[in-house]
């Protein structure tokens, strides 16, 4: 049984950015393997006797990948882009605070 894409993402909510990239790479590798099975003319592969069948797993993995990439994008902005911006702002604030304190001590 496959889970919904949103339930899939919920399993990775607390993962680090690097862990999410690893999961993305695993999904892509699995998608490539399923493509070999799905696009071959041979339906005698054992994978076709497993439920859900490869074509369903392929589609679900594409949906998971789509949701995961959107989640990675949000996490990237939050943890990488905005974190750096916040640190830059914090550095600017601390520099300003030091300059004000020096100015006040000179008076």
PDB file of N, CA and C in Angstrom:
ATOM      1  N   UNK A   1       0.845  -1.180   0.000  1.00  0.00           N
ATOM      2  CA  UNK A   1       0.000   0.000   0.000  1.00  0.00           C
ATOM      3  C   UNK A   1       0.891   1.244   0.000  1.00  0.00           C
ATOM      4  N   UNK A   2       0.528   2.182  -0.787  1.00  0.00           N
ATOM      5  CA  UNK A   2       1.285   3.430  -0.894  1.00  0.00           C
ATOM      6  C   UNK A   2       0.598   4.483  -0.019  1.00  0.00           C
ATOM      7  N   UNK A   3       1.380   5.424   0.475  1.00  0.00           N
ATOM      8  CA  UNK A   3       0.814   6.515   1.269  1.00  0.00           C
ATOM      9  C   UNK A   3       0.692   7.759   0.395  1.00  0.00           C
ATOM     10  N   UNK A   4      -0.054   8.729   0.880  1.00  0.00           N
ATOM     11  CA  UNK A   4      -0.227   9.962   0.109  1.00  0.00           C
ATOM     12  C   UNK A   4       1.079  10.753   0.095  1.00  0.00           C
ATOM     13  N   UNK A   5       1.272  11.589  -0.909  1.00  0.00           N
ATOM     14  CA  UNK A   5       2.486  12.411  -0.957  1.00  0.00           C
ATOM     15  C   UNK A   5       2.658  13.300   0.283  1.00  0.00           C
ATOM     16  N   UNK A   6       1.560  13.819   0.824  1.00  0.00           N
ATOM     17  CA  UNK A   6       1.668  14.669   2.016  1.00  0.00           C
ATOM     18  C   UNK A   6       2.079  13.858   3.240  1.00  0.00           C
ATOM     19  N   UNK A   7       1.576  12.632   3.348  1.00  0.00           N
ATOM     20  CA  UNK A   7       2.002  11.760   4.446  1.00  0.00           C
ATOM     21  C   UNK A   7       3.472  11.391   4.289  1.00  0.00           C
ATOM     22  N   UNK A   8       3.886  11.196   3.063  1.00  0.00           N
ATOM     23  CA  UNK A   8       5.292  10.896   2.775  1.00  0.00           C
ATOM     24  C   UNK A   8       6.184  12.043   3.259  1.00  0.00           C
ATOM     25  N   UNK A   9       5.803  13.272   2.928  1.00  0.00           N
ATOM     26  CA  UNK A   9       6.590  14.444   3.326  1.00  0.00           C
ATOM     27  C   UNK A   9       6.606  14.593   4.842  1.00  0.00           C
ATOM     28  N   UNK A  10       5.499  14.283   5.491  1.00  0.00           N
ATOM     29  CA  UNK A  10       5.417  14.396   6.951  1.00  0.00           C
ATOM     30  C   UNK A  10       6.478  13.532   7.634  1.00  0.00           C
ATOM     31  N   UNK A  11       6.848  12.426   7.004  1.00  0.00           N
ATOM     32  CA  UNK A  11       7.882  11.554   7.565  1.00  0.00           C
ATOM     33  C   UNK A  11       9.261  12.222   7.574  1.00  0.00           C
ATOM     34  N   UNK A  12       9.444  13.249   6.768  1.00  0.00           N
ATOM     35  CA  UNK A  12      10.759  13.878   6.611  1.00  0.00           C
ATOM     36  C   UNK A  12      10.800  15.319   7.124  1.00  0.00           C
ATOM     37  N   UNK A  13       9.749  15.751   7.807  1.00  0.00           N
ATOM     38  CA  UNK A  13       9.661  17.144   8.259  1.00  0.00           C
ATOM     39  C   UNK A  13      10.849  17.592   9.097  1.00  0.00           C
ATOM     40  N   UNK A  14      11.364  16.704   9.937  1.00  0.00           N
ATOM     41  CA  UNK A  14      12.433  17.087  10.861  1.00  0.00           C
ATOM     42  C   UNK A  14      13.828  16.746  10.350  1.00  0.00           C
ATOM     43  N   UNK A  15      13.917  16.263   9.122  1.00  0.00           N
ATOM     44  CA  UNK A  15      15.225  15.921   8.564  1.00  0.00           C
ATOM     45  C   UNK A  15      16.004  17.183   8.207  1.00  0.00           C
ATOM     46  N   UNK A  16      17.312  17.041   8.202  1.00  0.00           N
ATOM     47  CA  UNK A  16      18.162  18.155   7.799  1.00  0.00           C
ATOM     48  C   UNK A  16      18.093  18.322   6.285  1.00  0.00           C
ATOM     49  N   UNK A  17      18.594  19.433   5.817  1.00  0.00           N
ATOM     50  CA  UNK A  17      18.635  19.696   4.381  1.00  0.00           C
ATOM     51  C   UNK A  17      19.417  18.594   3.662  1.00  0.00           C
ATOM     52  N   UNK A  18      20.538  18.182   4.240  1.00  0.00           N
ATOM     53  CA  UNK A  18      21.374  17.150   3.631  1.00  0.00           C
ATOM     54  C   UNK A  18      20.646  15.808   3.574  1.00  0.00           C
ATOM     55  N   UNK A  19      19.903  15.472   4.630  1.00  0.00           N
ATOM     56  CA  UNK A  19      19.139  14.227   4.639  1.00  0.00           C
ATOM     57  C   UNK A  19      18.049  14.242   3.565  1.00  0.00           C
ATOM     58  N   UNK A  20      17.446  15.402   3.373  1.00  0.00           N
ATOM     59  CA  UNK A  20      16.425  15.528   2.329  1.00  0.00           C
ATOM     60  C   UNK A  20      17.031  15.313   0.947  1.00  0.00           C
ATOM     61  N   UNK A  21      18.232  15.826   0.742  1.00  0.00           N
ATOM     62  CA  UNK A  21      18.907  15.619  -0.546  1.00  0.00           C
ATOM     63  C   UNK A  21      19.210  14.139  -0.773  1.00  0.00           C
ATOM     64  N   UNK A  22      19.593  13.443   0.293  1.00  0.00           N
ATOM     65  CA  UNK A  22      19.846  12.007   0.178  1.00  0.00           C
ATOM     66  C   UNK A  22      18.566  11.255  -0.183  1.00  0.00           C
ATOM     67  N   UNK A  23      17.457  11.621   0.452  1.00  0.00           N
ATOM     68  CA  UNK A  23      16.185  10.976   0.143  1.00  0.00           C
ATOM     69  C   UNK A  23      15.778  11.261  -1.303  1.00  0.00           C
ATOM     70  N   UNK A  24      15.996  12.491  -1.751  1.00  0.00           N
ATOM     71  CA  UNK A  24      15.704  12.844  -3.146  1.00  0.00           C
ATOM     72  C   UNK A  24      16.497  11.953  -4.100  1.00  0.00           C
ATOM     73  N   UNK A  25      17.785  11.778  -3.804  1.00  0.00           N
ATOM     74  CA  UNK A  25      18.636  10.947  -4.658  1.00  0.00           C
ATOM     75  C   UNK A  25      18.170   9.491  -4.668  1.00  0.00           C
ATOM     76  N   UNK A  26      17.732   8.980  -3.514  1.00  0.00           N
ATOM     77  CA  UNK A  26      17.206   7.610  -3.444  1.00  0.00           C
ATOM     78  C   UNK A  26      15.935   7.474  -4.275  1.00  0.00           C
ATOM     79  N   UNK A  27      15.065   8.463  -4.182  1.00  0.00           N
ATOM     80  CA  UNK A  27      13.833   8.442  -4.974  1.00  0.00           C
ATOM     81  C   UNK A  27      14.139   8.445  -6.466  1.00  0.00           C
ATOM     82  N   UNK A  28      15.068   9.284  -6.868  1.00  0.00           N
ATOM     83  CA  UNK A  28      15.435   9.362  -8.286  1.00  0.00           C
ATOM     84  C   UNK A  28      16.003   8.027  -8.762  1.00  0.00           C
ATOM     85  N   UNK A  29      16.841   7.402  -7.941  1.00  0.00           N
ATOM     86  CA  UNK A  29      17.401   6.096  -8.308  1.00  0.00           C
ATOM     87  C   UNK A  29      16.294   5.054  -8.441  1.00  0.00           C
ATOM     88  N   UNK A  30      15.340   5.072  -7.521  1.00  0.00           N
ATOM     89  CA  UNK A  30      14.234   4.121  -7.598  1.00  0.00           C
ATOM     90  C   UNK A  30      13.366   4.387  -8.831  1.00  0.00           C
ATOM     91  N   UNK A  31      13.160   5.650  -9.149  1.00  0.00           N
ATOM     92  CA  UNK A  31      12.392   6.009 -10.349  1.00  0.00           C
ATOM     93  C   UNK A  31      13.086   5.474 -11.600  1.00  0.00           C
ATOM     94  N   UNK A  32      14.400   5.605 -11.662  1.00  0.00           N
ATOM     95  CA  UNK A  32      15.152   5.080 -12.817  1.00  0.00           C
ATOM     96  C   UNK A  32      14.984   3.561 -12.935  1.00  0.00           C
ATOM     97  N   UNK A  33      15.045   2.867 -11.808  1.00  0.00           N
ATOM     98  CA  UNK A  33      14.868   1.413 -11.829  1.00  0.00           C
ATOM     99  C   UNK A  33      13.460   1.040 -12.281  1.00  0.00           C
ATOM    100  N   UNK A  34      12.470   1.759 -11.779  1.00  0.00           N
ATOM    101  CA  UNK A  34      11.086   1.477 -12.173  1.00  0.00           C
ATOM    102  C   UNK A  34      10.851   1.782 -13.649  1.00  0.00           C
ATOM    103  N   UNK A  35      11.524   2.800 -14.168  1.00  0.00           N
ATOM    104  CA  UNK A  35      11.389   3.124 -15.597  1.00  0.00           C
ATOM    105  C   UNK A  35      11.860   1.959 -16.466  1.00  0.00           C
ATOM    106  N   UNK A  36      12.943   1.327 -16.058  1.00  0.00           N
ATOM    107  CA  UNK A  36      13.442   0.176 -16.820  1.00  0.00           C
ATOM    108  C   UNK A  36      12.391  -0.927 -16.877  1.00  0.00           C
ATOM    109  N   UNK A  37      11.698  -1.133 -15.768  1.00  0.00           N
ATOM    110  CA  UNK A  37      10.685  -2.190 -15.703  1.00  0.00           C
ATOM    111  C   UNK A  37       9.423  -1.785 -16.455  1.00  0.00           C
ATOM    112  N   UNK A  38       8.961  -0.574 -16.186  1.00  0.00           N
ATOM    113  CA  UNK A  38       7.693  -0.111 -16.762  1.00  0.00           C
ATOM    114  C   UNK A  38       7.778   0.023 -18.273  1.00  0.00           C
ATOM    115  N   UNK A  39       8.889   0.538 -18.781  1.00  0.00           N
ATOM    116  CA  UNK A  39       9.001   0.788 -20.217  1.00  0.00           C
ATOM    117  C   UNK A  39       9.485  -0.409 -21.024  1.00  0.00           C
ATOM    118  N   UNK A  40       9.820  -1.496 -20.330  1.00  0.00           N
ATOM    119  CA  UNK A  40      10.196  -2.698 -21.083  1.00  0.00           C
ATOM    120  C   UNK A  40       8.916  -3.409 -21.524  1.00  0.00           C
ATOM    121  N   UNK A  41       9.031  -4.161 -22.563  1.00  0.00           N
ATOM    122  CA  UNK A  41       7.869  -4.900 -23.077  1.00  0.00           C
ATOM    123  C   UNK A  41       7.625  -6.181 -22.278  1.00  0.00           C
ATOM    124  N   UNK A  42       8.583  -6.535 -21.437  1.00  0.00           N
ATOM    125  CA  UNK A  42       8.536  -7.805 -20.715  1.00  0.00           C
ATOM    126  C   UNK A  42       7.762  -7.659 -19.406  1.00  0.00           C
ATOM    127  N   UNK A  43       6.616  -8.297 -19.342  1.00  0.00           N
ATOM    128  CA  UNK A  43       5.800  -8.263 -18.119  1.00  0.00           C
ATOM    129  C   UNK A  43       6.051  -9.494 -17.246  1.00  0.00           C
ATOM    130  N   UNK A  44       7.077 -10.250 -17.564  1.00  0.00           N
ATOM    131  CA  UNK A  44       7.382 -11.439 -16.766  1.00  0.00           C
ATOM    132  C   UNK A  44       8.283 -11.115 -15.573  1.00  0.00           C
ATOM    133  N   UNK A  45       8.763  -9.879 -15.491  1.00  0.00           N
ATOM    134  CA  UNK A  45       9.595  -9.457 -14.361  1.00  0.00           C
ATOM    135  C   UNK A  45       8.820  -9.677 -13.063  1.00  0.00           C
ATOM    136  N   UNK A  46       9.517 -10.151 -12.034  1.00  0.00           N
ATOM    137  CA  UNK A  46       8.882 -10.407 -10.735  1.00  0.00           C
ATOM    138  C   UNK A  46       8.193  -9.172 -10.172  1.00  0.00           C
ATOM    139  N   UNK A  47       8.677  -8.010 -10.516  1.00  0.00           N
ATOM    140  CA  UNK A  47       8.111  -6.764  -9.990  1.00  0.00           C
ATOM    141  C   UNK A  47       6.636  -6.626 -10.336  1.00  0.00           C
ATOM    142  N   UNK A  48       6.217  -7.241 -11.438  1.00  0.00           N
ATOM    143  CA  UNK A  48       4.813  -7.144 -11.851  1.00  0.00           C
ATOM    144  C   UNK A  48       3.899  -8.014 -10.997  1.00  0.00           C
ATOM    145  N   UNK A  49       4.477  -8.918 -10.208  1.00  0.00           N
ATOM    146  CA  UNK A  49       3.656  -9.763  -9.336  1.00  0.00           C
ATOM    147  C   UNK A  49       3.510  -9.159  -7.941  1.00  0.00           C
ATOM    148  N   UNK A  50       4.170  -8.040  -7.709  1.00  0.00           N
ATOM    149  CA  UNK A  50       4.104  -7.349  -6.417  1.00  0.00           C
ATOM    150  C   UNK A  50       3.044  -6.262  -6.501  1.00  0.00           C
ATOM    151  N   UNK A  51       2.279  -6.147  -5.424  1.00  0.00           N
ATOM    152  CA  UNK A  51       1.254  -5.106  -5.375  1.00  0.00           C
ATOM    153  C   UNK A  51       1.711  -4.012  -4.415  1.00  0.00           C
ATOM    154  N   UNK A  52       1.694  -2.751  -4.766  1.00  0.00           N
ATOM    155  CA  UNK A  52       1.278  -2.206  -6.048  1.00  0.00           C
ATOM    156  C   UNK A  52       2.320  -2.490  -7.132  1.00  0.00           C
ATOM    157  N   UNK A  53       1.835  -2.579  -8.340  1.00  0.00           N
ATOM    158  CA  UNK A  53       2.692  -2.907  -9.468  1.00  0.00           C
ATOM    159  C   UNK A  53       3.625  -1.738  -9.800  1.00  0.00           C
ATOM    160  N   UNK A  54       4.667  -2.002 -10.576  1.00  0.00           N
ATOM    161  CA  UNK A  54       5.674  -0.981 -10.874  1.00  0.00           C
ATOM    162  C   UNK A  54       5.122   0.314 -11.460  1.00  0.00           C
ATOM    163  N   UNK A  55       4.098   0.232 -12.291  1.00  0.00           N
ATOM    164  CA  UNK A  55       3.566   1.462 -12.879  1.00  0.00           C
ATOM    165  C   UNK A  55       2.924   2.361 -11.824  1.00  0.00           C
ATOM    166  N   UNK A  56       2.292   1.749 -10.821  1.00  0.00           N
ATOM    167  CA  UNK A  56       1.699   2.530  -9.724  1.00  0.00           C
ATOM    168  C   UNK A  56       2.806   3.100  -8.839  1.00  0.00           C
ATOM    169  N   UNK A  57       3.801   2.269  -8.512  1.00  0.00           N
ATOM    170  CA  UNK A  57       4.923   2.748  -7.692  1.00  0.00           C
ATOM    171  C   UNK A  57       5.670   3.864  -8.404  1.00  0.00           C
ATOM    172  N   UNK A  58       5.808   3.730  -9.711  1.00  0.00           N
ATOM    173  CA  UNK A  58       6.468   4.761 -10.514  1.00  0.00           C
ATOM    174  C   UNK A  58       5.726   6.095 -10.392  1.00  0.00           C
ATOM    175  N   UNK A  59       4.428   6.065 -10.591  1.00  0.00           N
ATOM    176  CA  UNK A  59       3.635   7.293 -10.506  1.00  0.00           C
ATOM    177  C   UNK A  59       3.682   7.887  -9.097  1.00  0.00           C
ATOM    178  N   UNK A  60       3.570   7.037  -8.084  1.00  0.00           N
ATOM    179  CA  UNK A  60       3.610   7.539  -6.704  1.00  0.00           C
ATOM    180  C   UNK A  60       4.983   8.141  -6.388  1.00  0.00           C
ATOM    181  N   UNK A  61       6.046   7.503  -6.852  1.00  0.00           N
ATOM    182  CA  UNK A  61       7.379   8.054  -6.606  1.00  0.00           C
ATOM    183  C   UNK A  61       7.563   9.397  -7.300  1.00  0.00           C
ATOM    184  N   UNK A  62       6.971   9.552  -8.473  1.00  0.00           N
ATOM    185  CA  UNK A  62       7.011  10.863  -9.135  1.00  0.00           C
ATOM    186  C   UNK A  62       6.278  11.908  -8.296  1.00  0.00           C
ATOM    187  N   UNK A  63       5.134  11.522  -7.736  1.00  0.00           N
ATOM    188  CA  UNK A  63       4.387  12.437  -6.862  1.00  0.00           C
ATOM    189  C   UNK A  63       5.183  12.760  -5.599  1.00  0.00           C
ATOM    190  N   UNK A  64       5.812  11.735  -5.013  1.00  0.00           N
ATOM    191  CA  UNK A  64       6.644  11.959  -3.826  1.00  0.00           C
ATOM    192  C   UNK A  64       7.791  12.910  -4.156  1.00  0.00           C
ATOM    193  N   UNK A  65       8.429  12.682  -5.295  1.00  0.00           N
ATOM    194  CA  UNK A  65       9.556  13.528  -5.702  1.00  0.00           C
ATOM    195  C   UNK A  65       9.113  14.970  -5.885  1.00  0.00           C
ATOM    196  N   UNK A  66       7.966  15.153  -6.477  1.00  0.00           N
ATOM    197  CA  UNK A  66       7.433  16.502  -6.677  1.00  0.00           C
ATOM    198  C   UNK A  66       7.239  17.216  -5.340  1.00  0.00           C
ATOM    199  N   UNK A  67       6.585  16.545  -4.410  1.00  0.00           N
ATOM    200  CA  UNK A  67       6.352  17.138  -3.084  1.00  0.00           C
ATOM    201  C   UNK A  67       7.667  17.343  -2.341  1.00  0.00           C
ATOM    202  N   UNK A  68       8.565  16.373  -2.451  1.00  0.00           N
ATOM    203  CA  UNK A  68       9.846  16.477  -1.758  1.00  0.00           C
ATOM    204  C   UNK A  68      10.660  17.653  -2.280  1.00  0.00           C
ATOM    205  N   UNK A  69      10.677  17.857  -3.584  1.00  0.00           N
ATOM    206  CA  UNK A  69      11.424  18.985  -4.158  1.00  0.00           C
ATOM    207  C   UNK A  69      10.850  20.318  -3.693  1.00  0.00           C
ATOM    208  N   UNK A  70       9.537  20.419  -3.617  1.00  0.00           N
ATOM    209  CA  UNK A  70       8.916  21.645  -3.112  1.00  0.00           C
ATOM    210  C   UNK A  70       9.296  21.859  -1.652  1.00  0.00           C
ATOM    211  N   UNK A  71       9.314  20.782  -0.874  1.00  0.00           N
ATOM    212  CA  UNK A  71       9.683  20.876   0.536  1.00  0.00           C
ATOM    213  C   UNK A  71      11.156  21.251   0.689  1.00  0.00           C
ATOM    214  N   UNK A  72      12.014  20.664  -0.130  1.00  0.00           N
ATOM    215  CA  UNK A  72      13.446  20.993  -0.106  1.00  0.00           C
ATOM    216  C   UNK A  72      13.643  22.471  -0.423  1.00  0.00           C
ATOM    217  N   UNK A  73      12.913  22.981  -1.385  1.00  0.00           N
ATOM    218  CA  UNK A  73      13.022  24.396  -1.757  1.00  0.00           C
ATOM    219  C   UNK A  73      12.672  25.300  -0.579  1.00  0.00           C
ATOM    220  N   UNK A  74      11.589  24.979   0.109  1.00  0.00           N
ATOM    221  CA  UNK A  74      11.193  25.776   1.281  1.00  0.00           C
ATOM    222  C   UNK A  74      12.245  25.687   2.373  1.00  0.00           C
ATOM    223  N   UNK A  75      12.722  24.462   2.624  1.00  0.00           N
ATOM    224  CA  UNK A  75      13.726  24.266   3.673  1.00  0.00           C
ATOM    225  C   UNK A  75      15.027  24.980   3.303  1.00  0.00           C
ATOM    226  N   UNK A  76      15.401  24.962   2.046  1.00  0.00           N
ATOM    227  CA  UNK A  76      16.599  25.656   1.577  1.00  0.00           C
ATOM    228  C   UNK A  76      16.481  27.154   1.862  1.00  0.00           C
ATOM    229  N   UNK A  77      15.350  27.727   1.495  1.00  0.00           N
ATOM    230  CA  UNK A  77      15.151  29.158   1.741  1.00  0.00           C
ATOM    231  C   UNK A  77      15.178  29.476   3.226  1.00  0.00           C
ATOM    232  N   UNK A  78      14.527  28.652   4.019  1.00  0.00           N
ATOM    233  CA  UNK A  78      14.438  28.904   5.453  1.00  0.00           C
ATOM    234  C   UNK A  78      15.784  28.699   6.154  1.00  0.00           C
ATOM    235  N   UNK A  79      16.481  27.607   5.833  1.00  0.00           N
ATOM    236  CA  UNK A  79      17.688  27.255   6.582  1.00  0.00           C
ATOM    237  C   UNK A  79      18.979  27.774   5.971  1.00  0.00           C
ATOM    238  N   UNK A  80      19.015  27.967   4.683  1.00  0.00           N
ATOM    239  CA  UNK A  80      20.249  28.394   4.027  1.00  0.00           C
ATOM    240  C   UNK A  80      20.185  29.876   3.669  1.00  0.00           C
ATOM    241  N   UNK A  81      19.220  30.262   2.864  1.00  0.00           N
ATOM    242  CA  UNK A  81      19.143  31.643   2.374  1.00  0.00           C
ATOM    243  C   UNK A  81      18.817  32.605   3.503  1.00  0.00           C
ATOM    244  N   UNK A  82      17.710  32.373   4.184  1.00  0.00           N
ATOM    245  CA  UNK A  82      17.282  33.326   5.213  1.00  0.00           C
ATOM    246  C   UNK A  82      18.140  33.238   6.462  1.00  0.00           C
ATOM    247  N   UNK A  83      18.682  32.067   6.770  1.00  0.00           N
ATOM    248  CA  UNK A  83      19.564  31.951   7.926  1.00  0.00           C
ATOM    249  C   UNK A  83      20.797  32.823   7.721  1.00  0.00           C
ATOM    250  N   UNK A  84      21.377  32.767   6.516  1.00  0.00           N
ATOM    251  CA  UNK A  84      22.535  33.607   6.209  1.00  0.00           C
ATOM    252  C   UNK A  84      22.165  35.082   6.290  1.00  0.00           C
ATOM    253  N   UNK A  85      20.975  35.429   5.822  1.00  0.00           N
ATOM    254  CA  UNK A  85      20.529  36.825   5.877  1.00  0.00           C
ATOM    255  C   UNK A  85      20.345  37.258   7.323  1.00  0.00           C
ATOM    256  N   UNK A  86      19.781  36.373   8.155  1.00  0.00           N
ATOM    257  CA  UNK A  86      19.595  36.697   9.569  1.00  0.00           C
ATOM    258  C   UNK A  86      20.940  36.874  10.261  1.00  0.00           C
ATOM    259  N   UNK A  87      21.901  35.997   9.950  1.00  0.00           N
ATOM    260  CA  UNK A  87      23.228  36.118  10.545  1.00  0.00           C
ATOM    261  C   UNK A  87      23.882  37.421  10.115  1.00  0.00           C
ATOM    262  N   UNK A  88      23.694  37.808   8.868  1.00  0.00           N
ATOM    263  CA  UNK A  88      24.243  39.063   8.369  1.00  0.00           C
ATOM    264  C   UNK A  88      23.619  40.239   9.105  1.00  0.00           C
ATOM    265  N   UNK A  89      22.313  40.184   9.297  1.00  0.00           N
ATOM    266  CA  UNK A  89      21.619  41.247  10.036  1.00  0.00           C
ATOM    267  C   UNK A  89      22.110  41.283  11.469  1.00  0.00           C
ATOM    268  N   UNK A  90      22.255  40.093  12.093  1.00  0.00           N
ATOM    269  CA  UNK A  90      22.756  40.033  13.462  1.00  0.00           C
ATOM    270  C   UNK A  90      24.158  40.618  13.548  1.00  0.00           C
ATOM    271  N   UNK A  91      25.020  40.322  12.576  1.00  0.00           N
ATOM    272  CA  UNK A  91      26.373  40.875  12.557  1.00  0.00           C
ATOM    273  C   UNK A  91      26.326  42.392  12.436  1.00  0.00           C
ATOM    274  N   UNK A  92      25.456  42.900  11.565  1.00  0.00           N
ATOM    275  CA  UNK A  92      25.311  44.346  11.395  1.00  0.00           C
ATOM    276  C   UNK A  92      24.819  44.981  12.681  1.00  0.00           C
ATOM    277  N   UNK A  93      23.863  44.353  13.342  1.00  0.00           N
ATOM    278  CA  UNK A  93      23.316  44.876  14.591  1.00  0.00           C
ATOM    279  C   UNK A  93      24.381  44.906  15.679  1.00  0.00           C
ATOM    280  N   UNK A  94      25.178  43.848  15.779  1.00  0.00           N
ATOM    281  CA  UNK A  94      26.198  43.818  16.822  1.00  0.00           C
ATOM    282  C   UNK A  94      27.276  44.854  16.536  1.00  0.00           C
ATOM    283  N   UNK A  95      27.614  45.088  15.278  1.00  0.00           N
ATOM    284  CA  UNK A  95      28.593  46.118  14.928  1.00  0.00           C
ATOM    285  C   UNK A  95      28.058  47.490  15.292  1.00  0.00           C
ATOM    286  N   UNK A  96      26.788  47.720  15.023  1.00  0.00           N
ATOM    287  CA  UNK A  96      26.173  49.007  15.351  1.00  0.00           C
ATOM    288  C   UNK A  96      26.135  49.207  16.849  1.00  0.00           C
ATOM    289  N   UNK A  97      25.820  48.135  17.580  1.00  0.00           N
ATOM    290  CA  UNK A  97      25.754  48.222  19.036  1.00  0.00           C
ATOM    291  C   UNK A  97      27.125  48.553  19.605  1.00  0.00           C
ATOM    292  N   UNK A  98      28.167  47.925  19.096  1.00  0.00           N
ATOM    293  CA  UNK A  98      29.532  48.192  19.560  1.00  0.00           C
ATOM    294  C   UNK A  98      29.908  49.640  19.267  1.00  0.00           C
ATOM    295  N   UNK A  99      29.591  50.126  18.081  1.00  0.00           N
ATOM    296  CA  UNK A  99      29.914  51.506  17.713  1.00  0.00           C
ATOM    297  C   UNK A  99      29.190  52.487  18.621  1.00  0.00           C
ATOM    298  N   UNK A 100      27.931  52.214  18.935  1.00  0.00           N
ATOM    299  CA  UNK A 100      27.162  53.100  19.821  1.00  0.00           C
ATOM    300  C   UNK A 100      27.763  53.077  21.209  1.00  0.00           C
ATOM    301  N   UNK A 101      28.132  51.911  21.724  1.00  0.00           N
ATOM    302  CA  UNK A 101      28.713  51.812  23.059  1.00  0.00           C
ATOM    303  C   UNK A 101      30.044  52.550  23.123  1.00  0.00           C
ATOM    304  N   UNK A 102      30.885  52.449  22.076  1.00  0.00           N
ATOM    305  CA  UNK A 102      32.153  53.171  22.046  1.00  0.00           C
ATOM    306  C   UNK A 102      31.898  54.670  22.052  1.00  0.00           C
ATOM    307  N   UNK A 103      30.930  55.101  21.274  1.00  0.00           N
ATOM    308  CA  UNK A 103      30.594  56.519  21.188  1.00  0.00           C
ATOM    309  C   UNK A 103      30.109  57.032  22.535  1.00  0.00           C
ATOM    310  N   UNK A 104      29.276  56.250  23.206  1.00  0.00           N
ATOM    311  CA  UNK A 104      28.737  56.656  24.504  1.00  0.00           C
ATOM    312  C   UNK A 104      29.833  56.719  25.555  1.00  0.00           C
ATOM    313  N   UNK A 105      30.791  55.790  25.506  1.00  0.00           N
ATOM    314  CA  UNK A 105      31.851  55.765  26.508  1.00  0.00           C
ATOM    315  C   UNK A 105      32.828  56.929  26.322  1.00  0.00           C
ATOM    316  N   UNK A 106      32.922  57.457  25.096  1.00  0.00           N
ATOM    317  CA  UNK A 106      33.822  58.573  24.845  1.00  0.00           C
ATOM    318  C   UNK A 106      33.223  59.876  25.345  1.00  0.00           C
ATOM    319  N   UNK A 107      31.916  59.936  25.480  1.00  0.00           N
ATOM    320  CA  UNK A 107      31.272  61.177  25.945  1.00  0.00           C
ATOM    321  C   UNK A 107      31.307  61.229  27.393  1.00  0.00           C
TER     322      UNK A 107
END
